[in-house]
Amino acid sequence: MALKIANITIDSANAAELAEFWAQLLERTVDPGGNEHFATVGESTGFTPTLMFVQVPDKTPGKNVVHMDLTADDLPTQHERAVALGAKHIADFDEYGVRWSTFADPEGNLFDVAVEKAAD
């Protein structure tokens, strides 16, 4: 049996607040029972992988950083949405036949939004 991604775990200062940001960005909802210590997005609806947010006292320097790559049909619209929800735009790229923007979520975790490639 091949390995499958079940969860993407993100360290956070406030799990519920960061889960709400990601839920809105992905047009999902935070699962019931979320709080400042632990929250998930997608577990109750079967959205995979489930995003899991865990409160940590402080982010450990040198620890692996979460990085998600998202795709969109309309990059400018998603750019505006991300910033309106509290993301910080970092940079734009056009390399290797792909166009994408890099953002930081409200707690500084980086993520990319790329233009979805059309099926050949």
Protein backbone atom coordinates (compact mmCIF):
# COMPACT_ATOMS: atom_id res chain seq x y z
CA MET A 1 0.00 0.00 0.00
CA ALA A 2 1.43 3.38 -1.00
CA LEU A 3 1.75 6.20 1.48
CA LYS A 4 -0.95 8.88 1.31
CA ILE A 5 -0.98 12.36 2.72
CA ALA A 6 -3.46 12.42 5.58
CA ASN A 7 -2.72 15.75 7.26
CA ILE A 8 -0.61 18.81 6.81
CA THR A 9 0.28 20.03 10.29
CA ILE A 10 1.03 23.69 10.86
CA ASP A 11 2.53 25.08 14.05
CA SER A 12 0.72 28.23 15.15
CA ALA A 13 0.38 30.78 17.92
CA ASN A 14 -3.43 30.49 17.78
CA ALA A 15 -4.71 27.36 16.03
CA ALA A 16 -8.32 28.57 15.63
CA GLU A 17 -7.37 31.92 14.08
CA LEU A 18 -4.92 30.43 11.60
CA ALA A 19 -7.36 27.63 10.72
CA GLU A 20 -10.01 30.27 9.97
CA PHE A 21 -7.63 32.07 7.59
CA TRP A 22 -6.89 28.85 5.68
CA ALA A 23 -10.55 27.77 5.69
CA GLN A 24 -11.60 31.06 4.12
CA LEU A 25 -8.75 30.98 1.59
CA LEU A 26 -9.71 27.45 0.50
CA GLU A 27 -13.46 28.21 0.70
CA ARG A 28 -13.95 25.60 3.43
CA THR A 29 -14.98 25.73 7.08
CA VAL A 30 -13.12 25.05 10.28
CA ASP A 31 -14.19 21.68 11.68
CA PRO A 32 -16.34 21.71 14.82
CA GLY A 33 -14.48 21.82 18.14
CA GLY A 34 -11.55 23.95 17.01
CA ASN A 35 -9.94 26.18 19.60
CA GLU A 36 -6.74 28.17 20.15
CA HIS A 37 -4.84 24.94 20.93
CA PHE A 38 -5.98 22.65 18.11
CA ALA A 39 -8.13 23.03 15.00
CA THR A 40 -8.61 21.24 11.68
CA VAL A 41 -9.96 22.07 8.24
CA GLY A 42 -11.41 19.30 6.10
CA GLU A 43 -11.58 16.38 8.49
CA SER A 44 -15.37 16.50 8.88
CA THR A 45 -16.02 17.00 5.15
CA GLY A 46 -13.50 14.57 3.67
CA PHE A 47 -11.36 17.36 2.18
CA THR A 48 -7.89 15.86 1.82
CA PRO A 49 -5.34 16.31 3.00
CA THR A 50 -6.76 17.57 6.28
CA LEU A 51 -5.10 20.74 7.48
CA MET A 52 -4.23 20.41 11.18
CA PHE A 53 -3.24 23.44 13.26
CA VAL A 54 -1.44 22.95 16.58
CA GLN A 55 -0.55 25.67 19.05
CA VAL A 56 3.14 25.70 19.99
CA PRO A 57 4.74 27.94 22.61
CA ASP A 58 7.22 29.27 20.07
CA LYS A 59 8.31 28.25 16.60
CA THR A 60 11.60 26.38 16.75
CA PRO A 61 14.37 27.94 14.63
CA GLY A 62 15.58 25.48 12.02
CA LYS A 63 12.45 23.32 12.23
CA ASN A 64 10.90 22.35 8.89
CA VAL A 65 8.60 25.06 7.62
CA VAL A 66 5.25 24.20 6.10
CA HIS A 67 4.91 25.21 2.47
CA MET A 68 1.79 24.56 0.44
CA ASP A 69 1.40 24.95 -3.31
CA LEU A 70 -2.09 25.87 -4.48
CA THR A 71 -3.43 26.26 -8.02
CA ALA A 72 -6.03 28.66 -9.38
CA ASP A 73 -7.77 29.39 -12.67
CA ASP A 74 -7.58 33.14 -12.00
CA LEU A 75 -4.38 34.19 -10.26
CA PRO A 76 -5.20 37.92 -9.92
CA THR A 77 -8.53 37.19 -8.21
CA GLN A 78 -6.95 34.73 -5.79
CA HIS A 79 -4.11 37.17 -5.14
CA GLU A 80 -6.64 39.82 -4.08
CA ARG A 81 -8.55 37.31 -1.91
CA ALA A 82 -5.41 36.15 -0.12
CA VAL A 83 -4.31 39.69 0.68
CA ALA A 84 -7.83 40.70 1.77
CA LEU A 85 -7.86 37.74 4.18
CA GLY A 86 -4.59 38.86 5.75
CA ALA A 87 -1.85 37.32 3.64
CA LYS A 88 1.24 39.32 2.71
CA HIS A 89 2.31 39.23 -0.94
CA ILE A 90 6.01 38.33 -1.12
CA ALA A 91 6.89 38.00 -4.82
CA ASP A 92 5.75 36.92 -8.28
CA PHE A 93 7.51 34.35 -10.45
CA ASP A 94 7.36 33.14 -14.05
CA GLU A 95 9.76 30.25 -14.40
CA TYR A 96 9.84 26.78 -15.93
CA GLY A 97 6.59 27.43 -17.78
CA VAL A 98 4.70 28.22 -14.57
CA ARG A 99 3.43 31.55 -13.23
CA TRP A 100 2.94 31.86 -9.47
CA SER A 101 2.88 34.25 -6.53
CA THR A 102 4.38 33.64 -3.10
CA PHE A 103 2.52 34.83 0.00
CA ALA A 104 2.93 34.63 3.77
CA ASP A 105 -0.11 33.77 5.88
CA PRO A 106 -0.89 35.90 8.97
CA GLU A 107 1.74 34.02 11.00
CA GLY A 108 4.46 34.19 8.34
CA ASN A 109 4.11 30.69 6.82
CA LEU A 110 4.86 30.85 3.09
CA PHE A 111 2.56 29.45 0.41
CA ASP A 112 2.38 29.71 -3.38
CA VAL A 113 -0.58 30.20 -5.68
CA ALA A 114 0.10 29.16 -9.28
CA VAL A 115 -1.93 29.38 -12.46
CA GLU A 116 -3.44 25.96 -13.01
CA LYS A 117 -2.14 24.37 -16.19
CA ALA A 118 -4.74 23.49 -18.79
CA ALA A 119 -5.14 19.77 -19.47
CA ASP A 120 -3.41 18.69 -22.68
